[in-house]
Amino acid sequence: MPSSHRVLVVLGGLPATGKSTVARELNRDGAFAYIRIDGIEQALKNSGEMGSGGVQGSGYAVGYAVAGDLLDGGNDVLAECVNPLRLTREAWQATARTHDAALVQIELVCSNPATHRLRAESRTVDVPGLDLPGWQAIQQREYHPWNAVDVLRIDTAAISPQSAAELIRTAVRTVKVS
């Protein structure tokens, strides 16, 4: 555990598993500097600077850099993103290592397909201009299994956002005192 006891919490999972809801609940007391990759990616799109290739991995690259700056400034950081690939997960791990912070990796899942679909079809956009993926796009999205043993998996079909946030707070407290 880094001596600084700064923590990078990476909250990942497929769209409509409850990441934004859990992140809001987790950070209701403002304990974290909050980075939301959806917001970064939409800002990059809105800038008109991305060209025909689109955002690609740029949103994540900006997220890693901002997280590093915030960690260096003494902040605990909450990064919310799908985090679908081994590559993105390893980059968050490298960010924590490089900036001498503990890493708490969270994967939200929704084990009930009917609940997951309902969430996908009924949620509202809270990032202006963001096109939310539909159920079919979520099901077809490239999303690699998490193989790391140090990932806290939380099933949002089984517990409330408040309970999920409390599980994460407990994990953060544990790494802060170790």
Protein backbone atom coordinates (compact mmCIF):
# COMPACT_ATOMS: atom_id res chain seq x y z
CA MET A 1 0.00 0.00 0.00
CA PRO A 2 1.41 3.39 -0.91
CA SER A 3 2.29 5.49 2.13
CA SER A 4 0.19 8.41 0.92
CA HIS A 5 -3.07 6.53 1.42
CA ARG A 6 -4.54 8.26 -1.59
CA VAL A 7 -7.04 6.04 -3.35
CA LEU A 8 -8.11 5.67 -6.96
CA VAL A 9 -11.52 4.00 -7.16
CA VAL A 10 -12.36 2.78 -10.65
CA LEU A 11 -16.06 2.03 -10.99
CA GLY A 12 -16.69 -0.03 -14.14
CA GLY A 13 -19.35 -2.17 -15.74
CA LEU A 14 -21.56 -2.34 -18.78
CA PRO A 15 -23.89 0.56 -19.51
CA ALA A 16 -27.11 0.54 -17.45
CA THR A 17 -25.65 -1.48 -14.56
CA GLY A 18 -26.01 1.55 -12.29
CA LYS A 19 -22.55 3.13 -12.38
CA SER A 20 -23.69 6.76 -12.38
CA THR A 21 -26.30 6.13 -9.71
CA VAL A 22 -23.82 4.33 -7.45
CA ALA A 23 -21.15 6.98 -8.14
CA ARG A 24 -23.52 9.78 -7.11
CA GLU A 25 -24.42 7.91 -3.94
CA LEU A 26 -20.78 7.11 -3.17
CA ASN A 27 -19.72 10.72 -3.63
CA ARG A 28 -22.69 12.46 -2.03
CA ASP A 29 -20.35 13.77 0.69
CA GLY A 30 -17.79 15.01 -1.84
CA ALA A 31 -15.05 12.68 -0.57
CA PHE A 32 -13.72 12.07 -4.08
CA ALA A 33 -12.61 14.10 -7.05
CA TYR A 34 -15.02 12.61 -9.60
CA ILE A 35 -14.06 11.77 -13.18
CA ARG A 36 -16.74 10.55 -15.55
CA ILE A 37 -15.46 9.23 -18.85
CA ASP A 38 -18.86 9.74 -20.55
CA GLY A 39 -18.59 13.47 -19.81
CA ILE A 40 -15.01 13.67 -21.05
CA GLU A 41 -15.84 11.78 -24.26
CA GLN A 42 -18.87 13.97 -24.94
CA ALA A 43 -16.80 17.13 -24.40
CA LEU A 44 -14.22 15.81 -26.87
CA LYS A 45 -16.98 15.12 -29.42
CA ASN A 46 -18.50 18.56 -28.85
CA SER A 47 -15.12 20.23 -29.40
CA GLY A 48 -15.15 19.22 -33.06
CA GLU A 49 -11.44 18.45 -32.77
CA MET A 50 -11.69 14.67 -33.00
CA GLY A 51 -12.19 14.38 -36.76
CA SER A 52 -13.80 11.48 -38.57
CA GLY A 53 -12.10 8.86 -36.39
CA GLY A 54 -14.15 9.85 -33.38
CA VAL A 55 -13.05 9.77 -29.77
CA GLN A 56 -11.64 6.21 -29.72
CA GLY A 57 -9.52 5.91 -26.56
CA SER A 58 -9.00 9.65 -26.11
CA GLY A 59 -11.55 9.95 -23.32
CA TYR A 60 -9.80 7.31 -21.29
CA ALA A 61 -6.38 8.89 -21.97
CA VAL A 62 -7.67 12.22 -20.68
CA GLY A 63 -9.20 10.42 -17.69
CA TYR A 64 -5.90 8.78 -16.76
CA ALA A 65 -4.05 12.10 -16.99
CA VAL A 66 -6.64 14.01 -14.95
CA ALA A 67 -6.74 11.24 -12.34
CA GLY A 68 -2.96 11.42 -12.05
CA ASP A 69 -3.02 15.18 -11.55
CA LEU A 70 -5.76 14.90 -8.94
CA LEU A 71 -3.92 12.12 -7.08
CA ASP A 72 -0.72 14.19 -7.14
CA GLY A 73 -2.75 17.02 -5.63
CA GLY A 74 -3.64 14.82 -2.66
CA ASN A 75 -7.17 13.87 -3.72
CA ASP A 76 -8.89 10.54 -3.57
CA VAL A 77 -10.33 9.95 -7.05
CA LEU A 78 -13.47 8.19 -8.26
CA ALA A 79 -13.34 7.33 -11.97
CA GLU A 80 -16.57 6.10 -13.55
CA CYS A 81 -16.30 4.32 -16.87
CA VAL A 82 -17.30 1.12 -18.65
CA ASN A 83 -13.67 -0.05 -18.43
CA PRO A 84 -14.38 -2.82 -20.95
CA LEU A 85 -10.92 -4.06 -21.87
CA ARG A 86 -7.86 -5.47 -20.20
CA LEU A 87 -5.98 -2.55 -21.77
CA THR A 88 -8.12 0.07 -20.00
CA ARG A 89 -7.95 -1.78 -16.69
CA GLU A 90 -4.17 -2.05 -16.90
CA ALA A 91 -3.95 1.66 -17.68
CA TRP A 92 -5.94 2.52 -14.52
CA GLN A 93 -3.64 0.19 -12.56
CA ALA A 94 -0.60 1.97 -14.02
CA THR A 95 -2.13 5.35 -13.13
CA ALA A 96 -2.48 4.31 -9.49
CA ARG A 97 1.06 2.89 -9.40
CA THR A 98 2.65 5.88 -11.12
CA HIS A 99 0.95 8.32 -8.76
CA ASP A 100 1.57 6.30 -5.58
CA ALA A 101 -2.08 5.58 -4.83
CA ALA A 102 -3.99 2.52 -3.76
CA LEU A 103 -6.39 1.12 -6.34
CA VAL A 104 -9.90 -0.12 -5.60
CA GLN A 105 -11.39 -1.77 -8.69
CA ILE A 106 -15.15 -2.20 -8.81
CA GLU A 107 -17.17 -4.04 -11.43
CA LEU A 108 -20.90 -3.47 -11.33
CA VAL A 109 -22.99 -6.19 -12.90
CA CYS A 110 -26.74 -6.61 -13.23
CA SER A 111 -27.41 -10.35 -13.11
CA ASN A 112 -31.10 -10.01 -13.98
CA PRO A 113 -31.39 -9.49 -17.76
CA ALA A 114 -34.95 -8.15 -17.51
CA THR A 115 -33.92 -5.56 -14.92
CA HIS A 116 -30.83 -4.63 -16.93
CA ARG A 117 -32.90 -4.20 -20.09
CA LEU A 118 -35.51 -2.10 -18.27
CA ARG A 119 -32.77 0.17 -16.94
CA ALA A 120 -31.24 0.50 -20.41
CA GLU A 121 -34.58 1.36 -21.98
CA SER A 122 -35.85 3.75 -19.30
CA ARG A 123 -32.83 5.78 -18.22
CA THR A 124 -32.49 9.43 -19.06
CA VAL A 125 -29.50 11.30 -20.43
CA ASP A 126 -27.69 13.40 -17.84
CA VAL A 127 -24.74 14.37 -20.06
CA PRO A 128 -26.03 16.83 -22.68
CA GLY A 129 -25.61 15.44 -26.18
CA LEU A 130 -24.71 11.92 -25.06
CA ASP A 131 -26.36 9.15 -27.07
CA LEU A 132 -27.12 6.32 -24.67
CA PRO A 133 -26.67 2.82 -26.11
CA GLY A 134 -29.80 0.72 -26.48
CA TRP A 135 -30.24 -2.77 -25.10
CA GLN A 136 -29.01 -4.51 -28.26
CA ALA A 137 -25.87 -2.32 -28.38
CA ILE A 138 -25.17 -3.08 -24.71
CA GLN A 139 -25.50 -6.82 -25.33
CA GLN A 140 -23.19 -6.65 -28.36
CA ARG A 141 -20.60 -4.35 -26.81
CA GLU A 142 -17.03 -5.59 -26.61
CA TYR A 143 -16.53 -6.30 -22.93
CA HIS A 144 -13.82 -8.63 -21.72
CA PRO A 145 -14.18 -10.64 -18.51
CA TRP A 146 -12.37 -9.30 -15.47
CA ASN A 147 -9.69 -11.80 -14.52
CA ALA A 148 -8.14 -9.89 -11.63
CA VAL A 149 -8.76 -11.37 -8.21
CA ASP A 150 -8.69 -7.98 -6.51
CA VAL A 151 -11.92 -6.73 -8.09
CA LEU A 152 -14.98 -6.07 -5.97
CA ARG A 153 -17.96 -7.29 -8.01
CA ILE A 154 -21.31 -5.88 -7.00
CA ASP A 155 -24.61 -7.13 -8.41
CA THR A 156 -26.91 -4.14 -8.67
CA ALA A 157 -29.86 -6.45 -9.33
CA ALA A 158 -29.43 -7.75 -5.78
CA ILE A 159 -28.65 -4.63 -3.73
CA SER A 160 -29.56 -0.95 -3.67
CA PRO A 161 -27.27 1.84 -4.85
CA GLN A 162 -26.91 2.88 -1.20
CA SER A 163 -25.76 -0.60 -0.20
CA ALA A 164 -23.39 -0.78 -3.18
CA ALA A 165 -21.88 2.57 -2.19
CA GLU A 166 -21.42 1.37 1.38
CA LEU A 167 -19.60 -1.76 0.18
CA ILE A 168 -17.26 0.48 -1.81
CA ARG A 169 -16.75 2.85 1.15
CA THR A 170 -15.79 -0.16 3.27
CA ALA A 171 -13.26 -1.29 0.65
CA VAL A 172 -11.78 2.23 0.53
CA ARG A 173 -11.52 2.41 4.34
CA THR A 174 -9.79 -0.97 4.33
CA VAL A 175 -7.07 0.13 1.91
CA LYS A 176 -6.64 3.45 3.69
CA VAL A 177 -5.80 1.76 7.01
CA SER A 178 -3.58 -1.00 5.62
